[in-house]
Amino acid sequence: MKKFICILVFLSVTAGFLTGQEVFEREKRDFRWQLGAASGFSMNAELNFDATPSAITLRPTSLPLDITKTDICDRDGNLLFYTNGYTIMNRLHEVMENGAGLSPGLFTNDWLPFGQPVSQAALALPLPDSDSLYYLFHVRREYLSQMNMYGQSAACFPFYYSLIDVSENDGLGSVLEKNIVLTEDTIGIGQITACRHANGRDWWIIVFKYFSNQYHSLLLHPTGVMQYPLKIVGIPRPSGSGRAVFSPDGTKYVKFNLQMGPHLDVYDFDRCTGNLSNPRYLNYNHLTDLTGGVAISPNSRYLYVSSGRYIFQYDLHSENIGSSETLIADY
């Protein structure tokens, strides 16, 4: 049970993208998580947070799910579709019409039997003011022609979107547009996350450029995606696997890189402009293996960081966030 609790903290950022307290109270978009069936496992599992208590169900393998995984429900918590970064599945756990062939490339060909091995490499969002259209933002990991200066032989590029209509095929959905390039830039290793605009309708999507202090901000609004020029904040930071998350009130953005670190960074976020500011680089030295994640409490005050055997808490209201570090679990 203790390991399971730790896993929940690790995974919470993957599903908990609906930022803005009013959204937590109204919608159940992230209430069903699809897991498992990678690296030799023979079953898929579903975590259902709409049940009391939360329920786990197993089913025969329908899709290998390694590290990349995102799913989305309707407002009432009914599963609509999910993906492992390479294939989109409908609510009946079948390949959605035109749902195969995401993020094509040589790396994709090698990892297709397992699912894409990148944290937060896909994110599904409802198109504002639409009852049936959804955008899937996703990135491809691809081999480099030679090892780069950071000792990495693969990187994430380009950054795509695909458009899905869940009303097609009697509610099983269809992919209308696929692999539409948003930027050819090499971006950080996954860490695609989003926050509600201050208007309560639109969505900000933030991704950092690879090994830099530059980031892309995109706005999903009723007519589609608007891209803004690259923005700069703080000092250049390494890129590694990890997690990124917004606080529920949308005032904080936290990025946790596990490789070449760890690096734990906290920024202020403006839900009106999509701008990051006031970077704080926390001295986190507790990594016990290359697994971990970040989550923020529903009241937006406490940051939780898991890394292998430990879970630490930080007070985001503190003038010195790093000094508020408290060990709350040691497994």
Protein backbone atom coordinates (compact mmCIF):
# COMPACT_ATOMS: atom_id res chain seq x y z
CA MET A 1 0.00 0.00 0.00
CA LYS A 2 2.84 2.40 0.83
CA LYS A 3 4.40 1.79 -2.60
CA PHE A 4 1.01 2.40 -4.21
CA ILE A 5 0.67 5.78 -2.44
CA CYS A 6 4.13 6.75 -3.66
CA ILE A 7 3.16 5.76 -7.20
CA LEU A 8 0.10 8.02 -6.98
CA VAL A 9 2.27 10.98 -6.09
CA PHE A 10 4.58 10.07 -8.98
CA LEU A 11 1.73 9.84 -11.46
CA SER A 12 -0.50 12.64 -10.26
CA VAL A 13 0.98 15.20 -12.61
CA THR A 14 0.34 13.01 -15.65
CA ALA A 15 -3.40 13.07 -15.19
CA GLY A 16 -4.00 16.14 -13.05
CA PHE A 17 -3.73 18.83 -15.70
CA LEU A 18 -7.02 20.64 -15.07
CA THR A 19 -5.74 23.77 -13.37
CA GLY A 20 -8.01 26.43 -11.88
CA GLN A 21 -9.94 25.68 -8.69
CA GLU A 22 -13.29 26.06 -10.44
CA VAL A 23 -12.35 23.23 -12.82
CA PHE A 24 -11.49 20.83 -10.00
CA GLU A 25 -14.94 21.41 -8.53
CA ARG A 26 -16.90 21.08 -11.74
CA GLU A 27 -15.31 18.62 -14.15
CA LYS A 28 -13.99 15.07 -13.94
CA ARG A 29 -11.74 15.13 -17.01
CA ASP A 30 -8.91 13.17 -15.34
CA PHE A 31 -10.87 10.58 -13.36
CA ARG A 32 -9.83 7.45 -15.29
CA TRP A 33 -6.18 6.52 -15.79
CA GLN A 34 -5.08 3.76 -18.15
CA LEU A 35 -1.93 1.91 -17.09
CA GLY A 36 0.25 -1.13 -17.67
CA ALA A 37 1.01 -3.71 -20.34
CA ALA A 38 4.60 -2.66 -21.09
CA SER A 39 7.93 -4.39 -20.58
CA GLY A 40 6.42 -7.87 -20.37
CA PHE A 41 3.23 -7.19 -18.39
CA SER A 42 0.22 -8.98 -19.88
CA MET A 43 -2.62 -6.83 -18.51
CA ASN A 44 -3.84 -3.25 -18.73
CA ALA A 45 -5.28 -1.60 -15.65
CA GLU A 46 -7.63 1.31 -15.05
CA LEU A 47 -7.66 3.54 -11.98
CA ASN A 48 -11.16 4.95 -11.52
CA PHE A 49 -11.28 7.97 -9.20
CA ASP A 50 -15.02 8.39 -9.77
CA ALA A 51 -15.66 5.31 -7.60
CA THR A 52 -15.84 5.40 -3.78
CA PRO A 53 -13.34 4.17 -2.79
CA SER A 54 -11.18 4.54 -5.91
CA ALA A 55 -11.18 1.29 -7.88
CA ILE A 56 -8.65 -0.65 -9.94
CA THR A 57 -9.82 -2.97 -12.71
CA LEU A 58 -7.74 -5.24 -14.93
CA ARG A 59 -8.39 -6.25 -18.53
CA PRO A 60 -6.51 -8.11 -21.27
CA THR A 61 -3.85 -6.02 -22.96
CA SER A 62 -5.22 -3.58 -25.53
CA LEU A 63 -2.29 -1.15 -25.79
CA PRO A 64 1.26 -1.19 -24.38
CA LEU A 65 1.69 1.75 -22.00
CA ASP A 66 5.24 2.46 -20.95
CA ILE A 67 5.97 6.01 -19.72
CA THR A 68 3.96 8.19 -22.11
CA LYS A 69 0.30 7.98 -21.23
CA THR A 70 -2.55 10.44 -21.29
CA ASP A 71 -6.28 9.97 -21.18
CA ILE A 72 -9.27 12.26 -21.03
CA CYS A 73 -12.88 11.92 -19.88
CA ASP A 74 -16.00 13.93 -20.48
CA ARG A 75 -17.16 16.35 -17.77
CA ASP A 76 -18.87 13.50 -15.90
CA GLY A 77 -15.82 11.21 -15.75
CA ASN A 78 -16.64 8.88 -18.65
CA LEU A 79 -13.53 7.81 -20.59
CA LEU A 80 -13.31 9.25 -24.11
CA PHE A 81 -9.86 8.23 -25.41
CA TYR A 82 -6.24 7.68 -24.42
CA THR A 83 -2.80 7.27 -26.01
CA ASN A 84 0.68 5.88 -25.40
CA GLY A 85 2.19 8.51 -27.71
CA TYR A 86 1.98 6.31 -30.79
CA THR A 87 -1.67 5.14 -31.01
CA ILE A 88 -4.98 6.69 -29.93
CA MET A 89 -7.53 4.29 -28.40
CA ASN A 90 -11.26 4.94 -28.05
CA ARG A 91 -13.39 4.37 -24.95
CA LEU A 92 -13.87 0.69 -25.89
CA HIS A 93 -10.08 0.17 -25.89
CA GLU A 94 -9.95 -0.18 -29.66
CA VAL A 95 -7.77 1.80 -32.07
CA MET A 96 -9.67 4.96 -32.94
CA GLU A 97 -10.37 5.63 -36.60
CA ASN A 98 -7.16 7.15 -38.05
CA GLY A 99 -5.65 6.79 -34.57
CA ALA A 100 -2.48 4.90 -35.51
CA GLY A 101 0.76 6.49 -36.68
CA LEU A 102 1.34 9.29 -34.15
CA SER A 103 4.78 10.91 -34.08
CA PRO A 104 6.35 8.81 -36.88
CA GLY A 105 10.11 8.18 -36.96
CA LEU A 106 12.90 5.65 -36.46
CA PHE A 107 12.73 5.84 -32.67
CA THR A 108 8.96 5.34 -32.89
CA ASN A 109 9.44 2.21 -35.01
CA ASP A 110 11.76 0.71 -32.38
CA TRP A 111 9.53 1.51 -29.39
CA LEU A 112 6.13 0.86 -30.97
CA PRO A 113 5.71 -2.51 -29.16
CA PHE A 114 6.19 -0.81 -25.78
CA GLY A 115 4.85 2.75 -26.05
CA GLN A 116 6.84 5.96 -26.03
CA PRO A 117 9.29 6.12 -23.06
CA VAL A 118 8.98 9.87 -22.35
CA SER A 119 7.34 11.55 -19.35
CA GLN A 120 4.43 13.87 -20.16
CA ALA A 121 4.95 13.53 -23.90
CA ALA A 122 1.22 13.82 -24.69
CA LEU A 123 -1.63 15.94 -23.35
CA ALA A 124 -5.31 15.99 -24.34
CA LEU A 125 -7.44 19.13 -23.94
CA PRO A 126 -11.04 19.96 -24.90
CA LEU A 127 -11.42 22.70 -27.50
CA PRO A 128 -13.14 25.59 -25.70
CA ASP A 129 -16.83 26.03 -26.57
CA SER A 130 -16.96 22.63 -28.33
CA ASP A 131 -18.80 19.54 -27.12
CA SER A 132 -16.91 17.10 -29.31
CA LEU A 133 -13.50 18.43 -30.47
CA TYR A 134 -10.29 17.68 -28.57
CA TYR A 135 -6.68 18.61 -29.21
CA LEU A 136 -3.93 16.12 -28.47
CA PHE A 137 -0.54 17.80 -28.04
CA HIS A 138 2.37 15.38 -28.45
CA VAL A 139 6.09 15.24 -29.10
CA ARG A 140 8.28 12.75 -30.92
CA ARG A 141 11.50 11.39 -29.45
CA GLU A 142 14.02 10.74 -32.21
CA TYR A 143 17.59 9.52 -32.58
CA LEU A 144 20.32 12.08 -33.22
CA SER A 145 22.90 11.47 -35.94
CA GLN A 146 25.56 11.56 -33.22
CA MET A 147 25.68 12.01 -29.46
CA ASN A 148 25.23 15.68 -28.58
CA MET A 149 27.32 17.82 -26.26
CA TYR A 150 25.11 16.81 -23.32
CA GLY A 151 25.80 13.10 -23.77
CA GLN A 152 22.34 12.30 -25.15
CA SER A 153 21.73 10.26 -28.28
CA ALA A 154 18.05 11.16 -28.74
CA ALA A 155 15.96 14.31 -28.36
CA CYS A 156 12.33 15.46 -28.61
CA PHE A 157 11.27 17.15 -31.84
CA PRO A 158 9.03 18.26 -33.44
CA PHE A 159 6.10 19.32 -31.24
CA TYR A 160 2.74 18.33 -32.79
CA TYR A 161 -0.98 18.48 -32.33
CA SER A 162 -3.69 16.12 -33.59
CA LEU A 163 -7.41 16.96 -33.69
CA ILE A 164 -10.04 14.46 -32.53
CA ASP A 165 -13.82 14.48 -32.85
CA VAL A 166 -15.33 12.14 -30.24
CA SER A 167 -18.81 12.41 -31.79
CA GLU A 168 -17.74 10.53 -34.94
CA ASN A 169 -18.49 6.80 -35.37
CA ASP A 170 -21.38 6.74 -32.90
CA GLY A 171 -19.29 8.24 -30.14
CA LEU A 172 -16.13 6.18 -30.66
CA GLY A 173 -14.36 9.11 -32.26
CA SER A 174 -12.13 9.82 -35.25
CA VAL A 175 -8.82 11.64 -35.70
CA LEU A 176 -9.54 14.49 -38.13
CA GLU A 177 -6.00 15.92 -38.32
CA LYS A 178 -2.81 14.17 -37.31
CA ASN A 179 0.82 15.12 -36.66
CA ILE A 180 0.41 18.83 -37.39
CA VAL A 181 3.75 20.47 -36.58
CA LEU A 182 3.60 23.34 -34.10
CA THR A 183 7.38 23.86 -33.91
CA GLU A 184 10.44 22.07 -35.24
CA ASP A 185 12.36 23.24 -32.17
CA THR A 186 13.96 20.60 -29.98
CA ILE A 187 12.05 20.88 -26.72
CA GLY A 188 12.65 19.50 -23.24
CA ILE A 189 12.11 15.78 -22.68
CA GLY A 190 8.32 15.80 -22.52
CA GLN A 191 6.90 17.86 -19.64
CA ILE A 192 3.93 19.09 -21.68
CA THR A 193 1.44 20.62 -19.27
CA ALA A 194 -1.38 23.16 -19.36
CA CYS A 195 -3.29 25.69 -17.27
CA ARG A 196 -6.66 27.40 -17.69
CA HIS A 197 -6.51 30.97 -18.93
CA ALA A 198 -7.79 33.55 -16.44
CA ASN A 199 -10.94 33.80 -18.56
CA GLY A 200 -11.88 30.28 -17.36
CA ARG A 201 -12.36 29.09 -20.94
CA ASP A 202 -9.07 28.88 -22.85
CA TRP A 203 -5.89 26.90 -22.14
CA TRP A 204 -2.23 27.85 -21.86
CA ILE A 205 0.24 25.15 -22.93
CA ILE A 206 3.88 25.58 -21.86
CA VAL A 207 6.94 23.68 -23.13
CA PHE A 208 10.59 24.58 -22.55
CA LYS A 209 13.18 24.57 -25.30
CA TYR A 210 15.93 21.97 -24.89
CA PHE A 211 18.72 22.96 -22.45
CA SER A 212 17.72 26.61 -22.30
CA ASN A 213 15.85 29.33 -20.46
CA GLN A 214 13.46 29.78 -23.40
CA TYR A 215 9.93 28.45 -23.54
CA HIS A 216 7.04 28.19 -25.96
CA SER A 217 3.62 29.35 -24.81
CA LEU A 218 0.55 28.40 -26.82
CA LEU A 219 -3.08 29.35 -26.29
CA LEU A 220 -5.88 26.94 -27.15
CA HIS A 221 -9.02 28.99 -27.78
CA PRO A 222 -12.33 28.32 -29.60
CA THR A 223 -10.85 28.76 -33.10
CA GLY A 224 -7.70 26.70 -32.55
CA VAL A 225 -4.10 27.17 -31.38
CA MET A 226 -2.34 30.54 -31.16
CA GLN A 227 1.46 30.49 -30.83
CA TYR A 228 3.47 33.23 -29.15
CA PRO A 229 7.13 34.13 -29.79
CA LEU A 230 9.75 32.35 -27.69
CA LYS A 231 10.04 33.86 -24.22
CA ILE A 232 13.02 33.95 -21.85
CA VAL A 233 13.01 33.47 -18.08
CA GLY A 234 15.88 33.03 -15.62
CA ILE A 235 19.06 31.16 -16.53
CA PRO A 236 19.49 28.20 -18.94
CA ARG A 237 18.55 24.90 -17.29
CA PRO A 238 19.32 21.27 -18.24
CA SER A 239 16.64 19.08 -19.81
CA GLY A 240 15.94 15.62 -18.47
CA SER A 241 13.10 13.23 -17.81
CA GLY A 242 10.80 14.38 -15.03
CA ARG A 243 7.55 16.23 -14.49
CA ALA A 244 6.08 19.71 -14.76
CA VAL A 245 2.91 20.92 -13.04
CA PHE A 246 0.83 24.05 -12.45
CA SER A 247 -0.70 24.80 -9.08
CA PRO A 248 -4.50 24.47 -8.97
CA ASP A 249 -4.92 28.26 -8.72
CA GLY A 250 -2.60 28.75 -11.71
CA THR A 251 -0.15 31.04 -9.93
CA LYS A 252 2.83 28.62 -9.84
CA TYR A 253 4.63 26.43 -12.38
CA VAL A 254 7.05 23.76 -11.13
CA LYS A 255 9.51 21.79 -13.26
CA PHE A 256 11.46 18.78 -11.93
CA ASN A 257 14.28 17.28 -14.03
CA LEU A 258 15.69 13.97 -12.86
CA GLN A 259 18.60 13.45 -15.23
CA MET A 260 21.75 15.56 -15.11
CA GLY A 261 20.53 16.87 -11.79
CA PRO A 262 18.13 16.71 -10.14
CA HIS A 263 16.84 20.22 -10.80
CA LEU A 264 13.73 21.54 -9.02
CA ASP A 265 12.52 24.91 -10.34
CA VAL A 266 9.57 27.04 -9.21
CA TYR A 267 8.17 29.95 -11.27
CA ASP A 268 5.33 32.40 -10.89
CA PHE A 269 2.73 32.19 -13.68
CA ASP A 270 0.36 34.83 -15.05
CA ARG A 271 -2.88 33.24 -16.26
CA CYS A 272 -3.73 36.38 -18.28
CA THR A 273 -0.51 36.67 -20.29
CA GLY A 274 0.94 33.15 -20.17
CA ASN A 275 4.24 34.54 -18.81
CA LEU A 276 6.57 32.82 -16.36
CA SER A 277 8.58 34.96 -13.93
CA ASN A 278 10.48 35.01 -10.62
CA PRO A 279 12.39 31.71 -11.06
CA ARG A 280 13.56 29.98 -7.88
CA TYR A 281 16.00 27.10 -8.19
CA LEU A 282 15.68 24.79 -5.20
CA ASN A 283 18.65 22.77 -3.98
CA TYR A 284 17.17 19.26 -4.10
CA ASN A 285 19.69 16.49 -3.31
CA HIS A 286 17.57 13.45 -2.50
CA LEU A 287 17.37 11.50 -5.77
CA THR A 288 17.68 7.75 -5.11
CA ASP A 289 16.88 6.55 -8.66
CA LEU A 290 15.59 7.94 -11.96
CA THR A 291 11.92 7.92 -10.99
CA GLY A 292 9.95 10.69 -9.37
CA GLY A 293 7.45 13.45 -9.82
CA VAL A 294 5.82 16.57 -8.45
CA ALA A 295 2.32 17.43 -7.29
CA ILE A 296 0.72 20.44 -5.59
CA SER A 297 -1.98 20.39 -2.92
CA PRO A 298 -5.56 21.43 -3.83
CA ASN A 299 -5.16 24.70 -1.90
CA SER A 300 -2.06 25.49 -4.03
CA ARG A 301 0.17 25.96 -0.98
CA TYR A 302 2.18 22.75 -0.66
CA LEU A 303 4.53 21.23 -3.23
CA TYR A 304 5.22 17.49 -3.01
CA VAL A 305 8.28 15.90 -4.61
CA SER A 306 8.82 12.14 -4.87
CA SER A 307 12.13 10.62 -5.94
CA GLY A 308 12.58 6.92 -5.38
CA ARG A 309 12.17 6.24 -1.66
CA TYR A 310 11.39 9.77 -0.38
CA ILE A 311 8.53 12.25 -0.50
CA PHE A 312 9.28 15.84 0.52
CA GLN A 313 6.93 18.76 1.15
CA TYR A 314 7.64 22.45 0.44
CA ASP A 315 5.62 25.51 1.42
CA LEU A 316 5.09 27.61 -1.72
CA HIS A 317 3.93 30.53 0.46
CA SER A 318 7.29 30.67 2.22
CA GLU A 319 9.68 33.53 1.40
CA ASN A 320 12.40 30.88 1.16
CA ILE A 321 10.72 27.82 -0.36
CA GLY A 322 13.84 25.67 -0.13
CA SER A 323 14.15 26.21 3.62
CA SER A 324 10.64 24.82 4.15
CA GLU A 325 11.68 21.34 2.95
CA THR A 326 10.09 18.64 5.13
CA LEU A 327 10.48 14.87 4.77
CA ILE A 328 6.98 13.38 5.01
CA ALA A 329 7.58 9.80 3.80
CA ASP A 330 10.53 7.40 3.68
CA TYR A 331 9.77 4.03 2.07
